[in-house]
Amino acid sequence: MNRSVELAEAGGDRRLGAYALVRRAVVDLYRHDARQTIDVARLARQNALTDHIRGWAALHEAQGHALAGDPDASMRALDLAREHLDAARPESGPPRPGEFVR
């Protein structure tokens, strides 16, 4: 993966690791790598401890499917993103800048 994911895993911080994976999926999306975007977003969703991060990961998975030209899979992932984001508690929101350095 990348250094931030490795460091989060080494430190035992699953929340930070999932967040880093979501950010990695965004990089893969910008690189127009549909398969990697989908795979990394799914991994992030599976590793996430909060519904908010699961929803964010599902959103990027949907974008990966759209990039791959699979509208049905994209819509399924968007539905999943909505479910997770609707279930998210406010305190489970995305990490704020500096949150992981305290």
C-alpha atoms as a PDB file:
ATOM      1  CA  MET A   1       0.000   0.000   0.000  1.00  0.00           C
ATOM      2  CA  ASN A   2       1.714   3.139   1.162  1.00  0.00           C
ATOM      3  CA  ARG A   3       3.710   4.367   4.088  1.00  0.00           C
ATOM      4  CA  SER A   4       0.798   5.894   6.013  1.00  0.00           C
ATOM      5  CA  VAL A   5      -1.135   2.611   5.934  1.00  0.00           C
ATOM      6  CA  GLU A   6       1.945   0.678   7.031  1.00  0.00           C
ATOM      7  CA  LEU A   7       2.582   3.054   9.928  1.00  0.00           C
ATOM      8  CA  ALA A   8      -1.047   2.968  11.054  1.00  0.00           C
ATOM      9  CA  GLU A   9      -0.994  -0.831  11.032  1.00  0.00           C
ATOM     10  CA  ALA A  10       2.312  -0.898  12.899  1.00  0.00           C
ATOM     11  CA  GLY A  11       0.832   1.398  15.519  1.00  0.00           C
ATOM     12  CA  GLY A  12      -2.315  -0.686  15.830  1.00  0.00           C
ATOM     13  CA  ASP A  13      -4.561   2.211  14.791  1.00  0.00           C
ATOM     14  CA  ARG A  14      -7.244   0.602  12.615  1.00  0.00           C
ATOM     15  CA  ARG A  15      -9.208   3.840  12.281  1.00  0.00           C
ATOM     16  CA  LEU A  16      -6.223   5.710  10.901  1.00  0.00           C
ATOM     17  CA  GLY A  17      -5.352   2.737   8.685  1.00  0.00           C
ATOM     18  CA  ALA A  18      -8.831   2.672   7.140  1.00  0.00           C
ATOM     19  CA  TYR A  19      -8.768   6.449   6.684  1.00  0.00           C
ATOM     20  CA  ALA A  20      -5.391   6.187   4.935  1.00  0.00           C
ATOM     21  CA  LEU A  21      -6.762   3.471   2.655  1.00  0.00           C
ATOM     22  CA  VAL A  22      -9.699   5.681   1.694  1.00  0.00           C
ATOM     23  CA  ARG A  23      -7.279   8.474   0.838  1.00  0.00           C
ATOM     24  CA  ARG A  24      -5.216   5.967  -1.167  1.00  0.00           C
ATOM     25  CA  ALA A  25      -8.321   5.002  -3.156  1.00  0.00           C
ATOM     26  CA  VAL A  26      -8.714   8.673  -4.083  1.00  0.00           C
ATOM     27  CA  VAL A  27      -5.148   8.746  -5.407  1.00  0.00           C
ATOM     28  CA  ASP A  28      -5.860   5.619  -7.463  1.00  0.00           C
ATOM     29  CA  LEU A  29      -9.046   7.222  -8.793  1.00  0.00           C
ATOM     30  CA  TYR A  30      -7.094  10.309  -9.888  1.00  0.00           C
ATOM     31  CA  ARG A  31      -4.653   7.986 -11.628  1.00  0.00           C
ATOM     32  CA  HIS A  32      -7.604   6.489 -13.540  1.00  0.00           C
ATOM     33  CA  ASP A  33      -6.903   3.037 -12.089  1.00  0.00           C
ATOM     34  CA  ALA A  34     -10.427   1.678 -11.682  1.00  0.00           C
ATOM     35  CA  ARG A  35      -9.463  -1.791 -10.421  1.00  0.00           C
ATOM     36  CA  GLN A  36      -7.081  -0.450  -7.765  1.00  0.00           C
ATOM     37  CA  THR A  37      -9.613   2.181  -6.679  1.00  0.00           C
ATOM     38  CA  ILE A  38     -12.261  -0.507  -6.177  1.00  0.00           C
ATOM     39  CA  ASP A  39      -9.927  -2.926  -4.399  1.00  0.00           C
ATOM     40  CA  VAL A  40      -8.460  -0.347  -2.019  1.00  0.00           C
ATOM     41  CA  ALA A  41     -11.865   1.190  -1.264  1.00  0.00           C
ATOM     42  CA  ARG A  42     -13.279  -2.260  -0.450  1.00  0.00           C
ATOM     43  CA  LEU A  43     -10.339  -3.002   1.823  1.00  0.00           C
ATOM     44  CA  ALA A  44     -10.865   0.333   3.573  1.00  0.00           C
ATOM     45  CA  ARG A  45     -14.554  -0.421   4.043  1.00  0.00           C
ATOM     46  CA  GLN A  46     -13.784  -3.864   5.484  1.00  0.00           C
ATOM     47  CA  ASN A  47     -11.203  -2.420   7.888  1.00  0.00           C
ATOM     48  CA  ALA A  48     -13.174   0.661   8.937  1.00  0.00           C
ATOM     49  CA  LEU A  49     -14.392   0.931  12.512  1.00  0.00           C
ATOM     50  CA  THR A  50     -16.990   3.619  11.853  1.00  0.00           C
ATOM     51  CA  ASP A  51     -19.943   3.894   9.525  1.00  0.00           C
ATOM     52  CA  HIS A  52     -18.721   7.272   8.349  1.00  0.00           C
ATOM     53  CA  ILE A  53     -15.433   5.879   7.040  1.00  0.00           C
ATOM     54  CA  ARG A  54     -17.270   2.819   5.631  1.00  0.00           C
ATOM     55  CA  GLY A  55     -19.599   5.182   3.780  1.00  0.00           C
ATOM     56  CA  TRP A  56     -16.749   7.256   2.459  1.00  0.00           C
ATOM     57  CA  ALA A  57     -14.982   4.097   1.266  1.00  0.00           C
ATOM     58  CA  ALA A  58     -18.157   2.851  -0.453  1.00  0.00           C
ATOM     59  CA  LEU A  59     -18.476   6.209  -2.198  1.00  0.00           C
ATOM     60  CA  HIS A  60     -14.990   5.843  -3.676  1.00  0.00           C
ATOM     61  CA  GLU A  61     -15.723   2.240  -4.581  1.00  0.00           C
ATOM     62  CA  ALA A  62     -18.733   3.544  -6.540  1.00  0.00           C
ATOM     63  CA  GLN A  63     -16.487   6.011  -8.334  1.00  0.00           C
ATOM     64  CA  GLY A  64     -14.125   3.188  -9.241  1.00  0.00           C
ATOM     65  CA  HIS A  65     -16.983   1.169 -10.703  1.00  0.00           C
ATOM     66  CA  ALA A  66     -18.139   4.202 -12.669  1.00  0.00           C
ATOM     67  CA  LEU A  67     -14.614   4.668 -14.005  1.00  0.00           C
ATOM     68  CA  ALA A  68     -14.620   0.989 -15.008  1.00  0.00           C
ATOM     69  CA  GLY A  69     -17.887   1.478 -16.897  1.00  0.00           C
ATOM     70  CA  ASP A  70     -20.022  -0.638 -14.552  1.00  0.00           C
ATOM     71  CA  PRO A  71     -23.074   1.477 -13.656  1.00  0.00           C
ATOM     72  CA  ASP A  72     -24.898  -1.325 -11.823  1.00  0.00           C
ATOM     73  CA  ALA A  73     -21.994  -1.962  -9.449  1.00  0.00           C
ATOM     74  CA  SER A  74     -21.581   1.779  -9.035  1.00  0.00           C
ATOM     75  CA  MET A  75     -25.214   2.194  -7.975  1.00  0.00           C
ATOM     76  CA  ARG A  76     -24.954  -0.725  -5.532  1.00  0.00           C
ATOM     77  CA  ALA A  77     -21.897   0.858  -3.934  1.00  0.00           C
ATOM     78  CA  LEU A  78     -23.679   4.237  -3.776  1.00  0.00           C
ATOM     79  CA  ASP A  79     -26.622   2.579  -2.008  1.00  0.00           C
ATOM     80  CA  LEU A  80     -24.191   1.026   0.454  1.00  0.00           C
ATOM     81  CA  ALA A  81     -22.501   4.402   0.995  1.00  0.00           C
ATOM     82  CA  ARG A  82     -25.873   5.979   1.774  1.00  0.00           C
ATOM     83  CA  GLU A  83     -26.707   3.220   4.271  1.00  0.00           C
ATOM     84  CA  HIS A  84     -23.430   3.693   6.124  1.00  0.00           C
ATOM     85  CA  LEU A  85     -23.562   7.473   6.054  1.00  0.00           C
ATOM     86  CA  ASP A  86     -27.166   7.492   7.272  1.00  0.00           C
ATOM     87  CA  ALA A  87     -26.140   5.223  10.150  1.00  0.00           C
ATOM     88  CA  ALA A  88     -23.046   7.262  11.059  1.00  0.00           C
ATOM     89  CA  ARG A  89     -23.032   8.939  14.426  1.00  0.00           C
ATOM     90  CA  PRO A  90     -21.687  12.511  14.493  1.00  0.00           C
ATOM     91  CA  GLU A  91     -18.732  11.477  16.656  1.00  0.00           C
ATOM     92  CA  SER A  92     -17.696   8.877  14.075  1.00  0.00           C
ATOM     93  CA  GLY A  93     -17.067  11.548  11.448  1.00  0.00           C
ATOM     94  CA  PRO A  94     -13.951  11.863   9.377  1.00  0.00           C
ATOM     95  CA  PRO A  95     -10.707  12.579  11.175  1.00  0.00           C
ATOM     96  CA  ARG A  96     -10.077  16.278  11.496  1.00  0.00           C
ATOM     97  CA  PRO A  97      -6.680  17.807  10.685  1.00  0.00           C
ATOM     98  CA  GLY A  98      -4.310  17.086  13.536  1.00  0.00           C
ATOM     99  CA  GLU A  99      -6.622  14.565  15.184  1.00  0.00           C
ATOM    100  CA  PHE A 100      -4.075  11.761  14.945  1.00  0.00           C
ATOM    101  CA  VAL A 101      -1.175  13.763  16.343  1.00  0.00           C
ATOM    102  CA  ARG A 102      -2.667  14.294  19.807  1.00  0.00           C
END
